[in-house]
């Protein structure tokens, strides 16, 4: 499976601001491969804006369609007017591993439930427009054995296929390489086997 995620480092976020009827909506977006990354973003938003009216939030700590590691909060806004609309925008964008906090400073004009939902949705949508993205590839471990003379050639071929070598073990019978093969692609090693002239073995253990 391949899916887009925010192209941000741990502890890094993108911030945008939207004004609706004199209320300020400050949107924070970050990469959340786990719930701890989202909690860190929420804590930073609260620390930076202690006087804000609300810190509403939503996150997906997994691939698009994740059902367990998700969450959203209205943080005191009327039920269903902030967290859920925010989550729906994240979900509709097809992103995975993304967390969002919208910090609101009340401007004196009540927006009503419909107005609030639209304002929080708009804040997230505008934040997503400026969010850098990269593609995550889910991978399956694959174990190979090559002789010592073939290791460099095997590594070069794997690098050309953008398949990372995750571990190398050296023994009397050669080198055992554990690689991260894309889970959405068949393990076709025919080209490498041809280049190594039979000095490659796919291991079951």
N, C-alpha and C. Protein backbone atom coordinates (compact mmCIF):
# COMPACT_ATOMS: atom_id res chain seq x y z
N UNK A 1 0.84 -1.19 0.00
CA UNK A 1 0.00 0.00 0.00
C UNK A 1 0.88 1.24 0.00
N UNK A 2 0.51 2.23 -0.81
CA UNK A 2 1.21 3.49 -0.88
C UNK A 2 0.22 4.62 -0.59
N UNK A 3 0.63 5.57 0.22
CA UNK A 3 -0.29 6.67 0.53
C UNK A 3 0.51 7.91 0.94
N UNK A 4 -0.07 9.09 0.75
CA UNK A 4 0.62 10.34 1.09
C UNK A 4 0.54 10.64 2.58
N UNK A 5 1.63 11.21 3.10
CA UNK A 5 1.69 11.68 4.49
C UNK A 5 2.35 13.06 4.48
N UNK A 6 2.20 13.83 5.55
CA UNK A 6 2.90 15.12 5.62
C UNK A 6 4.42 14.92 5.55
N UNK A 7 5.08 15.69 4.73
CA UNK A 7 6.53 15.61 4.60
C UNK A 7 7.16 16.57 5.61
N UNK A 8 7.07 16.18 6.88
CA UNK A 8 7.56 17.01 7.98
C UNK A 8 8.38 16.14 8.94
N UNK A 9 9.39 16.74 9.56
CA UNK A 9 10.22 16.04 10.53
C UNK A 9 9.49 15.92 11.85
N UNK A 10 9.91 14.97 12.73
CA UNK A 10 9.32 14.89 14.07
C UNK A 10 9.44 16.22 14.80
N UNK A 11 8.35 16.66 15.39
CA UNK A 11 8.36 17.93 16.10
C UNK A 11 8.19 19.15 15.22
N UNK A 12 8.03 18.94 13.90
CA UNK A 12 7.84 20.05 12.97
C UNK A 12 6.36 20.13 12.58
N UNK A 13 5.86 21.32 12.31
CA UNK A 13 4.47 21.47 11.90
C UNK A 13 4.35 22.64 10.93
N UNK A 14 3.20 22.70 10.27
CA UNK A 14 2.87 23.83 9.40
C UNK A 14 1.70 24.58 10.02
N UNK A 15 1.75 25.90 9.96
CA UNK A 15 0.74 26.74 10.61
C UNK A 15 0.15 27.72 9.60
N UNK A 16 -1.18 27.80 9.56
CA UNK A 16 -1.88 28.76 8.73
C UNK A 16 -2.96 29.43 9.57
N UNK A 17 -3.48 30.56 9.08
CA UNK A 17 -4.50 31.28 9.86
C UNK A 17 -5.64 31.73 8.96
N UNK A 18 -6.86 31.58 9.49
CA UNK A 18 -8.07 31.98 8.80
C UNK A 18 -8.91 32.85 9.73
N UNK A 19 -9.47 33.94 9.22
CA UNK A 19 -10.36 34.79 10.02
C UNK A 19 -11.80 34.63 9.53
N UNK A 20 -12.73 34.40 10.47
CA UNK A 20 -14.15 34.28 10.16
C UNK A 20 -14.92 35.11 11.17
N UNK A 21 -15.58 36.18 10.72
CA UNK A 21 -16.39 37.04 11.61
C UNK A 21 -15.59 37.47 12.84
N UNK A 22 -14.35 37.88 12.60
CA UNK A 22 -13.44 38.40 13.63
C UNK A 22 -12.90 37.33 14.56
N UNK A 23 -13.29 36.07 14.39
CA UNK A 23 -12.66 34.98 15.13
C UNK A 23 -11.43 34.51 14.36
N UNK A 24 -10.33 34.27 15.10
CA UNK A 24 -9.10 33.76 14.49
C UNK A 24 -9.07 32.23 14.61
N UNK A 25 -8.82 31.57 13.51
CA UNK A 25 -8.66 30.12 13.49
C UNK A 25 -7.24 29.80 13.01
N UNK A 26 -6.41 29.32 13.92
CA UNK A 26 -5.01 29.01 13.62
C UNK A 26 -4.88 27.49 13.48
N UNK A 27 -4.50 27.06 12.31
CA UNK A 27 -4.43 25.63 12.01
C UNK A 27 -2.99 25.13 12.12
N UNK A 28 -2.83 24.05 12.87
CA UNK A 28 -1.53 23.38 13.02
C UNK A 28 -1.65 21.99 12.41
N UNK A 29 -0.71 21.62 11.54
CA UNK A 29 -0.70 20.30 10.93
C UNK A 29 0.67 19.67 11.09
N UNK A 30 0.70 18.36 11.38
CA UNK A 30 1.98 17.68 11.54
C UNK A 30 1.87 16.23 11.08
N UNK A 31 3.01 15.56 11.00
CA UNK A 31 3.08 14.13 10.68
C UNK A 31 2.85 13.35 11.97
N UNK A 32 1.87 12.46 11.98
CA UNK A 32 1.55 11.69 13.18
C UNK A 32 1.60 10.19 12.88
N UNK A 33 2.80 9.59 12.83
CA UNK A 33 2.89 8.15 12.65
C UNK A 33 2.36 7.39 13.86
N UNK A 34 2.20 8.09 15.00
CA UNK A 34 1.63 7.49 16.21
C UNK A 34 0.90 8.57 16.99
N UNK A 35 0.13 8.15 17.99
CA UNK A 35 -0.66 9.12 18.76
C UNK A 35 0.21 10.06 19.58
N UNK A 36 1.42 9.60 19.96
CA UNK A 36 2.32 10.46 20.74
C UNK A 36 2.69 11.72 19.96
N UNK A 37 2.87 11.59 18.65
CA UNK A 37 3.22 12.75 17.82
C UNK A 37 2.06 13.75 17.82
N UNK A 38 0.83 13.25 17.78
CA UNK A 38 -0.32 14.16 17.83
C UNK A 38 -0.41 14.84 19.19
N UNK A 39 -0.22 14.08 20.27
CA UNK A 39 -0.29 14.67 21.61
C UNK A 39 0.75 15.77 21.78
N UNK A 40 1.92 15.59 21.18
CA UNK A 40 2.96 16.62 21.27
C UNK A 40 2.53 17.89 20.55
N UNK A 41 1.87 17.74 19.39
CA UNK A 41 1.38 18.90 18.66
C UNK A 41 0.33 19.65 19.47
N UNK A 42 -0.61 18.91 20.05
CA UNK A 42 -1.67 19.52 20.85
C UNK A 42 -1.09 20.27 22.05
N UNK A 43 -0.11 19.67 22.71
CA UNK A 43 0.52 20.31 23.86
C UNK A 43 1.22 21.60 23.46
N UNK A 44 1.88 21.59 22.28
CA UNK A 44 2.58 22.78 21.81
C UNK A 44 1.60 23.89 21.47
N UNK A 45 0.47 23.53 20.85
CA UNK A 45 -0.55 24.54 20.53
C UNK A 45 -1.09 25.19 21.80
N UNK A 46 -1.35 24.37 22.80
CA UNK A 46 -1.87 24.91 24.07
C UNK A 46 -0.84 25.77 24.77
N UNK A 47 0.43 25.36 24.70
CA UNK A 47 1.49 26.13 25.35
C UNK A 47 1.69 27.48 24.66
N UNK A 48 1.63 27.47 23.32
CA UNK A 48 1.86 28.69 22.56
C UNK A 48 0.69 29.67 22.66
N UNK A 49 -0.53 29.15 22.77
CA UNK A 49 -1.73 30.00 22.80
C UNK A 49 -2.57 29.68 24.05
N UNK A 50 -2.05 29.99 25.24
CA UNK A 50 -2.79 29.66 26.46
C UNK A 50 -4.09 30.44 26.62
N UNK A 51 -4.20 31.59 25.95
CA UNK A 51 -5.40 32.41 26.09
C UNK A 51 -6.46 32.15 25.05
N UNK A 52 -6.27 31.15 24.21
CA UNK A 52 -7.24 30.87 23.15
C UNK A 52 -8.54 30.31 23.73
N UNK A 53 -9.62 30.48 22.99
CA UNK A 53 -10.92 29.98 23.44
C UNK A 53 -10.99 28.46 23.37
N UNK A 54 -10.45 27.88 22.31
CA UNK A 54 -10.55 26.44 22.09
C UNK A 54 -9.33 25.93 21.33
N UNK A 55 -8.99 24.67 21.56
CA UNK A 55 -7.97 23.96 20.79
C UNK A 55 -8.62 22.67 20.29
N UNK A 56 -9.34 22.76 19.19
CA UNK A 56 -10.04 21.60 18.64
C UNK A 56 -9.06 20.77 17.81
N UNK A 57 -9.34 19.47 17.67
CA UNK A 57 -8.32 18.62 17.08
C UNK A 57 -8.91 17.41 16.37
N UNK A 58 -8.06 16.83 15.51
CA UNK A 58 -8.40 15.59 14.82
C UNK A 58 -7.10 14.96 14.34
N UNK A 59 -7.04 13.64 14.31
CA UNK A 59 -5.82 12.99 13.84
C UNK A 59 -6.12 11.60 13.28
N UNK A 60 -5.22 11.15 12.41
CA UNK A 60 -5.21 9.80 11.87
C UNK A 60 -3.79 9.29 12.04
N UNK A 61 -3.57 8.36 12.95
CA UNK A 61 -2.22 7.84 13.22
C UNK A 61 -2.05 6.48 12.53
N UNK A 62 -2.24 6.50 11.21
CA UNK A 62 -2.14 5.27 10.43
C UNK A 62 -2.45 5.59 8.98
N UNK A 63 -2.65 4.58 8.16
CA UNK A 63 -2.94 4.82 6.74
C UNK A 63 -4.35 5.36 6.54
N UNK A 64 -4.67 5.89 5.35
CA UNK A 64 -6.04 6.31 5.07
C UNK A 64 -7.01 5.15 5.31
N UNK A 65 -8.14 5.46 5.93
CA UNK A 65 -9.10 4.42 6.26
C UNK A 65 -8.87 3.78 7.60
N UNK A 66 -7.83 4.19 8.32
CA UNK A 66 -7.55 3.67 9.66
C UNK A 66 -8.79 3.83 10.54
N UNK A 67 -9.13 2.78 11.30
CA UNK A 67 -10.34 2.78 12.11
C UNK A 67 -10.07 2.85 13.61
N UNK A 68 -8.84 2.56 14.02
CA UNK A 68 -8.55 2.46 15.46
C UNK A 68 -7.76 3.66 15.97
N UNK A 69 -6.61 3.94 15.37
CA UNK A 69 -5.74 5.01 15.85
C UNK A 69 -6.16 6.35 15.25
N UNK A 70 -7.38 6.77 15.61
CA UNK A 70 -7.93 8.04 15.14
C UNK A 70 -8.56 8.75 16.32
N UNK A 71 -8.87 10.02 16.14
CA UNK A 71 -9.55 10.75 17.20
C UNK A 71 -9.89 12.16 16.78
N UNK A 72 -10.84 12.76 17.51
CA UNK A 72 -11.18 14.17 17.27
C UNK A 72 -11.85 14.72 18.52
N UNK A 73 -11.73 16.02 18.71
CA UNK A 73 -12.26 16.67 19.91
C UNK A 73 -12.79 18.05 19.58
N UNK A 74 -13.97 18.39 20.18
CA UNK A 74 -14.56 19.72 20.03
C UNK A 74 -14.00 20.71 21.05
N UNK A 75 -13.34 20.21 22.09
CA UNK A 75 -12.73 21.05 23.12
C UNK A 75 -13.63 22.18 23.58
N UNK A 76 -14.87 21.86 23.90
CA UNK A 76 -15.79 22.86 24.45
C UNK A 76 -16.69 23.54 23.45
N UNK A 77 -16.42 23.41 22.17
CA UNK A 77 -17.36 23.91 21.17
C UNK A 77 -18.60 23.00 21.17
N UNK A 78 -19.75 23.48 20.67
CA UNK A 78 -20.94 22.62 20.62
C UNK A 78 -20.64 21.29 19.91
N UNK A 79 -21.19 20.22 20.45
CA UNK A 79 -20.90 18.89 19.95
C UNK A 79 -21.06 18.74 18.45
N UNK A 80 -20.05 18.20 17.80
CA UNK A 80 -20.11 17.92 16.37
C UNK A 80 -19.81 19.09 15.46
N UNK A 81 -19.39 20.25 16.04
CA UNK A 81 -19.17 21.43 15.21
C UNK A 81 -17.70 21.66 14.85
N UNK A 82 -16.78 20.90 15.45
CA UNK A 82 -15.36 21.18 15.24
C UNK A 82 -14.57 19.92 14.92
N UNK A 83 -14.42 19.05 15.92
CA UNK A 83 -13.56 17.87 15.76
C UNK A 83 -13.97 16.96 14.61
N UNK A 84 -15.25 16.63 14.56
CA UNK A 84 -15.70 15.72 13.48
C UNK A 84 -15.57 16.36 12.10
N UNK A 85 -16.01 17.61 11.90
CA UNK A 85 -15.78 18.22 10.59
C UNK A 85 -14.30 18.28 10.22
N UNK A 86 -13.44 18.56 11.17
CA UNK A 86 -12.01 18.57 10.91
C UNK A 86 -11.53 17.20 10.46
N UNK A 87 -11.98 16.16 11.17
CA UNK A 87 -11.58 14.78 10.82
C UNK A 87 -12.07 14.43 9.42
N UNK A 88 -13.28 14.84 9.10
CA UNK A 88 -13.82 14.51 7.78
C UNK A 88 -13.01 15.14 6.66
N UNK A 89 -12.48 16.34 6.89
CA UNK A 89 -11.63 16.97 5.88
C UNK A 89 -10.32 16.20 5.73
N UNK A 90 -9.72 15.80 6.85
CA UNK A 90 -8.49 15.00 6.80
C UNK A 90 -8.75 13.69 6.06
N UNK A 91 -9.83 13.03 6.41
CA UNK A 91 -10.17 11.75 5.80
C UNK A 91 -10.42 11.91 4.30
N UNK A 92 -11.14 12.97 3.94
CA UNK A 92 -11.47 13.20 2.54
C UNK A 92 -10.25 13.54 1.69
N UNK A 93 -9.18 14.02 2.33
CA UNK A 93 -7.96 14.37 1.59
C UNK A 93 -7.15 13.14 1.20
N UNK A 94 -7.51 11.98 1.76
CA UNK A 94 -6.79 10.75 1.43
C UNK A 94 -5.42 10.65 2.08
N UNK A 95 -5.17 11.46 3.09
CA UNK A 95 -3.88 11.46 3.78
C UNK A 95 -3.85 10.41 4.88
N UNK A 96 -2.66 9.92 5.17
CA UNK A 96 -2.45 9.10 6.35
C UNK A 96 -1.47 9.78 7.28
N UNK A 97 -1.43 9.32 8.51
CA UNK A 97 -0.45 9.79 9.50
C UNK A 97 -0.42 11.31 9.59
N UNK A 98 -1.60 11.90 9.80
CA UNK A 98 -1.70 13.35 9.84
C UNK A 98 -2.48 13.78 11.08
N UNK A 99 -1.98 14.80 11.74
CA UNK A 99 -2.65 15.35 12.92
C UNK A 99 -2.90 16.83 12.74
N UNK A 100 -3.98 17.32 13.34
CA UNK A 100 -4.38 18.71 13.15
C UNK A 100 -4.96 19.28 14.45
N UNK A 101 -4.57 20.50 14.75
CA UNK A 101 -5.17 21.27 15.85
C UNK A 101 -5.59 22.61 15.26
N UNK A 102 -6.82 23.03 15.55
CA UNK A 102 -7.25 24.38 15.17
C UNK A 102 -7.50 25.16 16.45
N UNK A 103 -6.69 26.18 16.65
CA UNK A 103 -6.78 27.05 17.82
C UNK A 103 -7.68 28.23 17.46
N UNK A 104 -8.70 28.46 18.28
CA UNK A 104 -9.63 29.55 17.99
C UNK A 104 -9.59 30.63 19.05
N UNK A 105 -9.50 31.88 18.57
CA UNK A 105 -9.70 33.04 19.42
C UNK A 105 -11.06 33.63 19.06
N UNK A 106 -11.99 33.62 20.01
CA UNK A 106 -13.35 34.10 19.77
C UNK A 106 -13.36 35.60 19.49
N UNK A 107 -14.05 36.01 18.41
CA UNK A 107 -14.03 37.41 18.00
C UNK A 107 -15.23 38.21 18.42
N UNK A 108 -16.16 37.58 19.17
CA UNK A 108 -17.32 38.31 19.66
C UNK A 108 -18.60 38.04 18.91
N UNK A 109 -18.52 37.42 17.76
CA UNK A 109 -19.71 37.11 16.97
C UNK A 109 -19.95 35.61 16.97
N UNK A 110 -21.11 35.18 17.43
CA UNK A 110 -21.42 33.75 17.44
C UNK A 110 -21.70 33.29 16.01
N UNK A 111 -21.13 32.15 15.65
CA UNK A 111 -21.24 31.66 14.28
C UNK A 111 -22.37 30.65 14.10
N UNK A 112 -22.93 30.14 15.19
CA UNK A 112 -23.95 29.10 15.07
C UNK A 112 -23.29 27.76 14.75
N UNK A 113 -24.05 26.69 14.93
CA UNK A 113 -23.46 25.36 14.74
C UNK A 113 -23.00 25.14 13.30
N UNK A 114 -23.83 25.53 12.36
CA UNK A 114 -23.44 25.37 10.95
C UNK A 114 -22.25 26.23 10.58
N UNK A 115 -22.22 27.45 11.08
CA UNK A 115 -21.11 28.34 10.80
C UNK A 115 -19.81 27.85 11.40
N UNK A 116 -19.90 27.29 12.61
CA UNK A 116 -18.70 26.74 13.24
C UNK A 116 -18.15 25.57 12.44
N UNK A 117 -19.02 24.65 12.04
CA UNK A 117 -18.57 23.49 11.27
C UNK A 117 -17.90 23.92 9.98
N UNK A 118 -18.49 24.91 9.31
CA UNK A 118 -17.89 25.40 8.06
C UNK A 118 -16.55 26.08 8.32
N UNK A 119 -16.47 26.85 9.40
CA UNK A 119 -15.23 27.56 9.70
C UNK A 119 -14.09 26.60 10.03
N UNK A 120 -14.37 25.59 10.85
CA UNK A 120 -13.32 24.62 11.19
C UNK A 120 -12.92 23.78 9.98
N UNK A 121 -13.89 23.41 9.15
CA UNK A 121 -13.58 22.67 7.93
C UNK A 121 -12.71 23.50 7.00
N UNK A 122 -13.08 24.77 6.85
CA UNK A 122 -12.32 25.67 5.97
C UNK A 122 -10.90 25.85 6.48
N UNK A 123 -10.75 25.98 7.80
CA UNK A 123 -9.41 26.18 8.38
C UNK A 123 -8.50 25.00 8.06
N UNK A 124 -9.03 23.79 8.18
CA UNK A 124 -8.23 22.60 7.90
C UNK A 124 -7.94 22.49 6.40
N UNK A 125 -8.95 22.73 5.57
CA UNK A 125 -8.76 22.62 4.12
C UNK A 125 -7.70 23.60 3.64
N UNK A 126 -7.71 24.82 4.15
CA UNK A 126 -6.72 25.81 3.73
C UNK A 126 -5.32 25.42 4.23
N UNK A 127 -5.27 24.82 5.42
CA UNK A 127 -3.98 24.34 5.92
C UNK A 127 -3.41 23.23 5.07
N UNK A 128 -4.27 22.33 4.61
CA UNK A 128 -3.82 21.22 3.79
C UNK A 128 -3.27 21.68 2.44
N UNK A 129 -3.79 22.79 1.93
CA UNK A 129 -3.32 23.29 0.64
C UNK A 129 -1.83 23.63 0.67
N UNK A 130 -1.35 24.05 1.83
CA UNK A 130 0.06 24.45 1.95
C UNK A 130 0.94 23.36 2.55
N UNK A 131 0.39 22.17 2.74
CA UNK A 131 1.12 21.10 3.43
C UNK A 131 1.99 20.30 2.46
N UNK A 132 3.32 20.23 2.70
CA UNK A 132 4.16 19.38 1.84
C UNK A 132 3.86 17.90 2.12
N UNK A 133 3.99 17.07 1.09
CA UNK A 133 3.63 15.66 1.22
C UNK A 133 4.71 14.76 0.61
N UNK A 134 4.76 13.55 1.11
CA UNK A 134 5.60 12.51 0.53
C UNK A 134 4.81 11.20 0.57
N UNK A 135 5.29 10.21 -0.15
CA UNK A 135 4.58 8.94 -0.23
C UNK A 135 5.22 7.89 0.67
N UNK A 136 4.41 7.24 1.47
CA UNK A 136 4.86 6.12 2.30
C UNK A 136 4.55 4.82 1.57
N UNK A 137 5.50 3.91 1.56
CA UNK A 137 5.32 2.60 0.94
C UNK A 137 5.38 1.55 2.04
N UNK A 138 4.28 0.83 2.24
CA UNK A 138 4.30 -0.26 3.21
C UNK A 138 5.15 -1.40 2.65
N UNK A 139 5.99 -1.99 3.51
CA UNK A 139 6.95 -2.98 3.04
C UNK A 139 6.86 -4.29 3.81
N UNK A 140 7.24 -5.36 3.12
CA UNK A 140 7.27 -6.70 3.69
C UNK A 140 8.71 -7.18 3.74
N UNK A 141 9.18 -7.72 4.88
CA UNK A 141 10.56 -8.21 4.94
C UNK A 141 10.76 -9.39 3.98
N UNK A 142 11.89 -9.36 3.27
CA UNK A 142 12.26 -10.42 2.34
C UNK A 142 13.72 -10.75 2.61
N UNK A 143 14.02 -12.06 2.75
CA UNK A 143 15.40 -12.46 3.09
C UNK A 143 16.06 -13.15 1.89
N UNK A 144 17.24 -12.65 1.56
CA UNK A 144 18.00 -13.17 0.42
C UNK A 144 19.37 -13.64 0.90
N UNK A 145 19.96 -14.58 0.14
CA UNK A 145 21.34 -14.96 0.41
C UNK A 145 22.14 -14.85 -0.88
N UNK A 146 23.27 -14.15 -0.81
CA UNK A 146 24.18 -14.05 -1.95
C UNK A 146 25.58 -14.40 -1.46
N UNK A 147 26.45 -14.78 -2.41
CA UNK A 147 27.83 -15.01 -1.99
C UNK A 147 28.52 -13.67 -1.82
N UNK A 148 29.70 -13.70 -1.21
CA UNK A 148 30.38 -12.45 -0.90
C UNK A 148 30.68 -11.63 -2.15
N UNK A 149 31.02 -12.33 -3.25
CA UNK A 149 31.36 -11.63 -4.48
C UNK A 149 30.16 -10.91 -5.09
N UNK A 150 28.95 -11.38 -4.77
CA UNK A 150 27.76 -10.80 -5.37
C UNK A 150 27.08 -9.74 -4.52
N UNK A 151 27.60 -9.49 -3.31
CA UNK A 151 26.91 -8.56 -2.40
C UNK A 151 26.81 -7.15 -2.98
N UNK A 152 27.91 -6.62 -3.47
CA UNK A 152 27.90 -5.24 -3.97
C UNK A 152 26.93 -5.10 -5.14
N UNK A 153 26.92 -6.09 -6.04
CA UNK A 153 26.03 -6.02 -7.19
C UNK A 153 24.57 -6.13 -6.75
N UNK A 154 24.30 -6.99 -5.76
CA UNK A 154 22.94 -7.14 -5.25
C UNK A 154 22.46 -5.84 -4.60
N UNK A 155 23.34 -5.22 -3.82
CA UNK A 155 22.97 -3.95 -3.17
C UNK A 155 22.71 -2.86 -4.20
N UNK A 156 23.52 -2.82 -5.24
CA UNK A 156 23.34 -1.80 -6.27
C UNK A 156 22.02 -2.01 -7.00
N UNK A 157 21.68 -3.26 -7.31
CA UNK A 157 20.42 -3.54 -8.00
C UNK A 157 19.23 -3.17 -7.11
N UNK A 158 19.30 -3.53 -5.84
CA UNK A 158 18.21 -3.22 -4.90
C UNK A 158 18.04 -1.71 -4.77
N UNK A 159 19.16 -0.98 -4.71
CA UNK A 159 19.08 0.49 -4.61
C UNK A 159 18.42 1.07 -5.85
N UNK A 160 18.70 0.49 -7.00
CA UNK A 160 18.08 0.96 -8.23
C UNK A 160 16.59 0.72 -8.27
N UNK A 161 16.13 -0.30 -7.53
CA UNK A 161 14.70 -0.59 -7.44
C UNK A 161 14.03 0.13 -6.26
N UNK A 162 14.83 0.94 -5.55
CA UNK A 162 14.38 1.66 -4.35
C UNK A 162 13.87 0.69 -3.29
N UNK A 163 14.61 -0.42 -3.14
CA UNK A 163 14.31 -1.42 -2.11
C UNK A 163 15.41 -1.32 -1.05
N UNK A 164 15.10 -0.89 0.17
CA UNK A 164 16.13 -0.71 1.18
C UNK A 164 16.63 -2.02 1.77
N UNK A 165 17.92 -2.09 2.06
CA UNK A 165 18.49 -3.21 2.80
C UNK A 165 18.40 -2.87 4.29
N UNK A 166 17.62 -3.64 5.02
CA UNK A 166 17.36 -3.34 6.42
C UNK A 166 18.34 -4.03 7.37
N UNK A 167 18.93 -5.15 6.92
CA UNK A 167 19.86 -5.88 7.78
C UNK A 167 20.77 -6.75 6.92
N UNK A 168 22.02 -6.92 7.34
CA UNK A 168 22.96 -7.81 6.65
C UNK A 168 23.63 -8.70 7.69
N UNK A 169 23.63 -10.00 7.44
CA UNK A 169 24.27 -10.97 8.32
C UNK A 169 25.30 -11.75 7.50
N UNK A 170 26.51 -11.85 8.04
CA UNK A 170 27.59 -12.50 7.32
C UNK A 170 27.89 -13.86 7.95
N UNK A 171 27.95 -14.90 7.12
CA UNK A 171 28.22 -16.25 7.60
C UNK A 171 29.12 -16.98 6.63
N UNK A 172 29.36 -18.23 6.93
CA UNK A 172 30.27 -19.03 6.11
C UNK A 172 29.74 -19.24 4.69
N UNK A 173 28.41 -19.23 4.55
CA UNK A 173 27.81 -19.49 3.23
C UNK A 173 27.50 -18.22 2.44
N UNK A 174 27.92 -17.06 2.96
CA UNK A 174 27.68 -15.82 2.23
C UNK A 174 27.00 -14.77 3.10
N UNK A 175 26.26 -13.90 2.45
CA UNK A 175 25.61 -12.77 3.12
C UNK A 175 24.10 -12.93 3.04
N UNK A 176 23.46 -12.80 4.19
CA UNK A 176 22.00 -12.83 4.24
C UNK A 176 21.50 -11.39 4.37
N UNK A 177 20.74 -10.96 3.38
CA UNK A 177 20.22 -9.59 3.36
C UNK A 177 18.72 -9.61 3.64
N UNK A 178 18.30 -8.82 4.60
CA UNK A 178 16.87 -8.61 4.83
C UNK A 178 16.50 -7.28 4.19
N UNK A 179 15.57 -7.33 3.23
CA UNK A 179 15.21 -6.12 2.49
C UNK A 179 13.72 -5.81 2.72
N UNK A 180 13.37 -4.55 2.52
CA UNK A 180 11.97 -4.13 2.67
C UNK A 180 11.32 -4.05 1.30
N UNK A 181 10.66 -5.14 0.90
CA UNK A 181 10.04 -5.19 -0.42
C UNK A 181 8.66 -4.53 -0.37
N UNK A 182 8.30 -3.72 -1.38
CA UNK A 182 6.96 -3.09 -1.38
C UNK A 182 5.87 -4.15 -1.28
N UNK A 183 4.97 -3.99 -0.33
CA UNK A 183 3.94 -5.00 -0.09
C UNK A 183 2.92 -5.08 -1.21
N UNK A 184 2.87 -4.04 -2.07
CA UNK A 184 1.89 -4.05 -3.15
C UNK A 184 2.49 -4.52 -4.47
N UNK A 185 3.70 -5.10 -4.43
CA UNK A 185 4.36 -5.56 -5.65
C UNK A 185 4.87 -6.99 -5.47
N UNK A 186 4.78 -7.83 -6.49
CA UNK A 186 5.31 -9.19 -6.39
C UNK A 186 6.83 -9.17 -6.26
N UNK A 187 7.37 -10.14 -5.53
CA UNK A 187 8.81 -10.22 -5.32
C UNK A 187 9.48 -10.83 -6.54
N UNK A 188 9.66 -10.02 -7.57
CA UNK A 188 10.25 -10.49 -8.82
C UNK A 188 11.76 -10.21 -8.81
N UNK A 189 12.54 -11.26 -8.61
CA UNK A 189 13.99 -11.14 -8.53
C UNK A 189 14.68 -11.72 -9.76
N UNK A 190 13.91 -11.93 -10.83
CA UNK A 190 14.44 -12.58 -12.02
C UNK A 190 15.66 -11.84 -12.58
N UNK A 191 15.57 -10.52 -12.67
CA UNK A 191 16.67 -9.74 -13.24
C UNK A 191 17.93 -9.86 -12.38
N UNK A 192 17.75 -9.85 -11.06
CA UNK A 192 18.91 -9.97 -10.17
C UNK A 192 19.50 -11.38 -10.23
N UNK A 193 18.65 -12.39 -10.30
CA UNK A 193 19.13 -13.77 -10.42
C UNK A 193 19.96 -13.94 -11.68
N UNK A 194 19.50 -13.33 -12.77
CA UNK A 194 20.24 -13.43 -14.04
C UNK A 194 21.61 -12.76 -13.92
N UNK A 195 21.67 -11.62 -13.30
CA UNK A 195 22.92 -10.89 -13.16
C UNK A 195 23.91 -11.64 -12.27
N UNK A 196 23.38 -12.34 -11.25
CA UNK A 196 24.26 -13.04 -10.32
C UNK A 196 24.52 -14.49 -10.72
N UNK A 197 23.90 -14.91 -11.82
CA UNK A 197 24.14 -16.24 -12.39
C UNK A 197 23.96 -17.35 -11.33
N UNK A 198 22.82 -17.34 -10.68
CA UNK A 198 22.50 -18.41 -9.76
C UNK A 198 23.10 -18.28 -8.38
N UNK A 199 23.77 -17.16 -8.10
CA UNK A 199 24.40 -16.99 -6.77
C UNK A 199 23.46 -16.29 -5.79
N UNK A 200 22.16 -16.33 -6.09
CA UNK A 200 21.16 -15.69 -5.24
C UNK A 200 20.14 -16.73 -4.80
N UNK A 201 19.76 -16.68 -3.51
CA UNK A 201 18.73 -17.60 -3.00
C UNK A 201 17.72 -16.79 -2.19
N UNK A 202 16.45 -17.10 -2.37
CA UNK A 202 15.37 -16.49 -1.57
C UNK A 202 15.11 -17.41 -0.40
N UNK A 203 15.25 -16.91 0.83
CA UNK A 203 15.14 -17.72 2.04
C UNK A 203 13.72 -17.69 2.60
N UNK A 204 13.31 -18.81 3.16
CA UNK A 204 11.97 -18.90 3.77
C UNK A 204 12.00 -18.53 5.25
N UNK A 205 13.17 -18.65 5.90
CA UNK A 205 13.22 -18.42 7.37
C UNK A 205 13.26 -16.94 7.68
